[in-house]
Protein backbone atom coordinates (compact mmCIF):
# COMPACT_ATOMS: atom_id res chain seq x y z
CA MET A 1 23.36 39.02 62.23
CA GLY A 2 23.30 36.36 59.84
CA LEU A 3 22.32 37.47 56.47
CA LEU A 4 23.93 39.64 58.03
CA GLU A 5 21.39 40.47 60.71
CA PRO A 6 19.55 43.59 60.01
CA ARG A 7 20.54 47.12 60.32
CA CYS A 8 18.82 50.18 58.88
CA ALA A 9 19.39 52.68 56.25
CA GLY A 10 18.61 54.86 53.64
CA ASP A 11 16.53 57.47 52.07
CA ALA A 12 13.84 55.28 50.83
CA GLY A 13 11.35 58.08 50.70
CA ASP A 14 11.16 57.73 46.95
CA ARG A 15 10.41 54.03 47.41
CA ILE A 16 7.31 54.50 49.49
CA ARG A 17 4.46 52.77 47.78
CA ARG A 18 0.89 53.42 48.81
CA SER A 19 -1.52 50.78 47.72
CA ALA A 20 -5.24 51.11 48.19
CA PRO A 21 -6.25 48.41 50.69
CA LEU A 22 -9.21 46.26 49.80
CA LEU A 23 -11.33 46.87 52.85
CA ALA A 24 -15.04 46.69 53.41
CA SER A 25 -16.52 50.17 53.67
CA ASP A 26 -17.53 49.70 57.29
CA ARG A 27 -14.03 48.77 58.46
CA PRO A 28 -11.48 51.26 59.82
CA ALA A 29 -9.01 52.67 57.34
CA PRO A 30 -5.41 51.44 57.39
CA GLY A 31 -3.32 53.20 59.99
CA SER A 32 -6.27 54.06 62.21
CA ALA A 33 -5.94 53.72 65.96
CA ALA A 34 -8.59 51.01 65.94
CA VAL A 35 -6.69 48.46 63.90
CA SER A 36 -2.93 48.94 64.19
CA VAL A 37 -0.28 47.41 66.42
CA LEU A 38 3.28 48.73 66.33
CA ALA A 39 5.99 46.05 66.39
CA ALA A 40 9.53 47.35 66.92
CA ILE A 41 11.70 44.55 65.57
CA ASP A 42 14.98 43.79 67.36
CA VAL A 43 16.04 47.31 68.29
CA GLN A 44 18.85 45.92 70.44
CA ARG A 45 22.32 46.83 71.64
CA VAL A 46 23.86 44.15 69.41
CA PHE A 47 23.01 46.36 66.42
CA ALA A 48 23.56 49.71 68.14
CA ASP A 49 26.96 49.20 69.77
CA ALA A 50 29.72 50.44 67.48
CA ASP A 51 32.05 47.59 68.47
CA SER A 52 29.51 44.88 67.65
CA PRO A 53 30.12 42.78 64.50
CA TRP A 54 26.44 43.34 63.74
CA PHE A 55 26.56 47.11 64.15
CA SER A 56 24.11 48.94 61.90
CA ASP A 57 25.11 52.34 60.60
CA GLY A 58 21.46 53.34 60.35
CA TRP A 59 20.36 52.27 63.81
CA GLU A 60 19.94 55.84 65.11
CA ARG A 61 17.36 56.60 62.45
CA ALA A 62 15.52 53.37 63.23
CA VAL A 63 15.44 54.15 66.94
CA GLU A 64 14.41 57.78 66.45
CA GLY A 65 11.59 56.83 64.10
CA THR A 66 10.37 54.14 66.46
CA ARG A 67 10.44 56.51 69.42
CA ARG A 68 8.37 59.05 67.49
CA LEU A 69 5.71 56.44 66.80
CA ILE A 70 5.44 54.75 70.20
CA PRO A 71 3.45 57.49 72.03
CA HIS A 72 0.77 57.35 69.32
CA PHE A 73 0.13 53.63 69.74
CA GLY A 74 -0.47 53.61 73.49
CA GLU A 75 -0.63 50.03 74.75
CA ARG A 76 -0.56 48.66 71.20
CA VAL A 77 3.23 48.41 71.13
CA VAL A 78 5.26 45.20 71.00
CA THR A 79 9.04 44.99 71.02
CA THR A 80 10.95 41.92 69.88
CA ARG A 81 14.41 40.52 70.54
CA PHE A 82 16.58 38.16 68.57
CA ILE A 83 18.34 35.80 70.99
CA ALA A 84 20.62 32.81 70.55
CA PRO A 85 19.39 29.26 71.23
CA GLU A 86 20.99 27.33 74.07
CA GLN A 87 21.99 24.59 71.63
CA PRO A 88 22.01 25.57 67.95
CA ALA A 89 20.68 22.81 65.71
CA GLY A 90 20.84 22.13 62.00
CA ALA A 91 22.03 25.01 59.84
CA TRP A 92 22.05 27.28 62.91
CA SER A 93 25.14 25.37 64.09
CA ASP A 94 27.00 26.64 61.02
CA TYR A 95 25.56 30.10 61.56
CA TYR A 96 26.93 30.38 65.09
CA ARG A 97 30.28 28.99 63.99
CA ASP A 98 30.44 32.08 61.81
CA TRP A 99 29.18 34.36 64.61
CA PRO A 100 30.45 32.83 67.89
CA PHE A 101 30.28 36.17 69.71
CA ALA A 102 26.47 36.00 69.54
CA LEU A 103 26.15 32.59 71.20
CA VAL A 104 25.46 34.01 74.66
CA PRO A 105 22.50 33.69 77.07
CA ALA A 106 19.36 35.69 76.39
CA SER A 107 20.09 37.68 79.55
CA ASP A 108 23.40 38.96 78.17
CA ARG A 109 23.62 42.74 77.76
CA LEU A 110 24.25 42.15 74.06
CA TYR A 111 20.59 41.28 73.55
CA ASP A 112 19.15 44.12 75.64
CA LEU A 113 16.79 46.57 73.99
CA VAL A 114 18.28 50.02 73.48
CA PRO A 115 17.46 52.52 76.25
CA GLY A 116 14.01 54.03 76.02
CA LEU A 117 12.34 51.06 74.37
CA GLU A 118 11.88 48.99 77.51
CA GLY A 119 8.56 48.61 79.28
CA HIS A 120 6.45 47.21 76.47
CA ARG A 121 5.31 43.68 75.80
CA THR A 122 8.43 41.90 74.53
CA ILE A 123 8.68 38.77 72.41
CA SER A 124 12.05 36.99 72.27
CA THR A 125 12.77 34.39 69.60
CA THR A 126 15.74 32.48 68.22
CA THR A 127 14.52 33.03 64.66
CA PHE A 128 14.85 35.96 62.29
CA GLY A 129 11.12 36.16 61.67
CA LYS A 130 9.06 37.28 64.64
CA TRP A 131 5.64 36.33 63.30
CA GLY A 132 4.13 33.49 65.34
CA PRO A 133 1.51 32.74 68.01
CA GLU A 134 2.81 35.39 70.43
CA LEU A 135 2.76 38.24 67.95
CA ASP A 136 -0.53 37.03 66.52
CA ASP A 137 -1.98 37.06 70.04
CA ALA A 138 -0.77 40.64 70.55
CA LEU A 139 -2.93 41.72 67.63
CA ASP A 140 -6.18 40.48 69.19
CA GLU A 141 -8.83 41.60 66.70
CA ASP A 142 -6.41 44.06 65.11
CA ARG A 143 -5.27 42.81 61.76
CA GLU A 144 -2.71 45.45 60.86
CA LEU A 145 0.93 45.35 61.83
CA VAL A 146 3.14 48.44 61.61
CA LEU A 147 6.79 47.36 61.50
CA THR A 148 9.93 49.27 62.45
CA GLY A 149 13.37 48.09 63.46
CA VAL A 150 16.46 46.15 62.47
CA ALA A 151 17.41 44.76 60.10
CA THR A 152 15.31 45.61 57.10
CA ASP A 153 16.98 42.86 55.08
CA CYS A 154 16.68 40.14 57.70
CA CYS A 155 14.31 40.16 60.68
CA VAL A 156 12.00 42.90 59.39
CA LEU A 157 11.76 41.22 55.98
CA SER A 158 11.21 37.75 57.48
CA THR A 159 8.52 39.06 59.82
CA ALA A 160 6.72 41.03 57.12
CA LEU A 161 6.50 38.12 54.68
CA SER A 162 5.30 35.62 57.29
CA ALA A 163 2.66 37.99 58.65
CA ALA A 164 1.44 38.83 55.16
CA ASP A 165 1.11 35.12 54.38
CA ALA A 166 -1.09 34.83 57.48
CA GLY A 167 -3.43 37.50 56.12
CA ILE A 168 -2.14 40.38 58.21
CA ARG A 169 -2.00 43.82 56.61
CA VAL A 170 1.64 44.88 57.02
CA ARG A 171 2.99 48.43 56.85
CA VAL A 172 6.77 48.80 56.89
CA VAL A 173 7.95 52.22 58.07
CA VAL A 174 10.88 52.89 55.78
CA ASP A 175 12.50 55.68 57.81
CA ALA A 176 12.17 53.75 61.08
CA CYS A 177 14.06 50.69 59.82
CA ALA A 178 17.76 49.99 59.37
CA GLY A 179 19.53 47.43 57.22
CA SER A 180 22.86 45.63 57.36
CA SER A 181 23.92 48.27 54.83
CA ASP A 182 22.18 51.06 52.94
CA GLN A 183 22.17 48.91 49.82
CA ALA A 184 20.73 45.90 51.66
CA HIS A 185 18.07 48.16 53.18
CA ARG A 186 17.02 49.42 49.76
CA ARG A 187 17.04 45.96 48.20
CA ALA A 188 14.85 44.58 50.98
CA LEU A 189 12.39 47.43 50.48
CA ASP A 190 12.29 46.67 46.76
CA VAL A 191 11.44 43.05 47.53
CA MET A 192 8.69 43.95 49.99
CA ALA A 193 7.20 46.46 47.55
CA LEU A 194 6.47 43.51 45.26
CA TYR A 195 4.00 42.19 47.84
CA ALA A 196 1.56 45.11 47.65
CA PRO A 197 -1.17 45.38 48.73
CA LEU A 198 -0.33 42.79 51.42
CA ILE A 199 2.73 44.83 52.39
CA GLU A 200 2.81 48.62 52.14
CA LEU A 201 5.89 50.84 52.45
CA THR A 202 5.21 54.03 54.37
CA SER A 203 6.93 56.72 56.46
CA VAL A 204 6.82 57.95 60.04
CA ASP A 205 5.10 61.17 58.98
CA ALA A 206 2.47 59.30 56.96
CA VAL A 207 1.66 56.96 59.85
CA LEU A 208 1.36 59.87 62.29
CA ALA A 209 -0.82 61.86 59.91
CA GLN A 210 -3.20 58.93 59.47
CA ARG A 211 -3.41 58.33 63.20
CA HIS A 212 -4.12 61.99 63.88
CA ALA A 213 -6.81 61.98 61.20
CA SER A 214 -8.48 58.88 62.63
CA GLY A 215 -7.93 59.70 66.27
């Protein structure tokens, strides 16, 4: 999808960076059930269908990792969807000239979430980045966002940087994300690693272990 739009990849286990968060001693530790909200970014058919121009080779890993995490976040799960605007404006007009197949209504099957991810609070936007008033509101007093989804190098990256700028502690789950290619996935992770300690790269197993320890 546009840079192209995200899809997942790679063994980025060796890229996981743990940075010690600067938290007051009386606040919950990062990853604890008390402070985290899971946001599954754009895990949609448009990236999962093999015949889609935005198909992501790594989408199965992203979906599997996300599904493993969801039961451990209870009601603190948000899903997002990328959708096309009714009338693209500005540079988006050029974008949709390049990707006319995607200029369909939000109700089109193309933009459906993949099976098994329905039923959670869903935020739909016409922008790559999903950080904004709706996602901020979903956090309530929770100031940590755990990100999974597609694509690492587009919507996940855009969301992570915007949330970090807003003072949100962001944890990107490397093995529950997919990029437009394996190389793009790795490059996006390298960029986000530069933003530590605002953004932390982690893994599904590490998130689950921390939640079990705090739960």
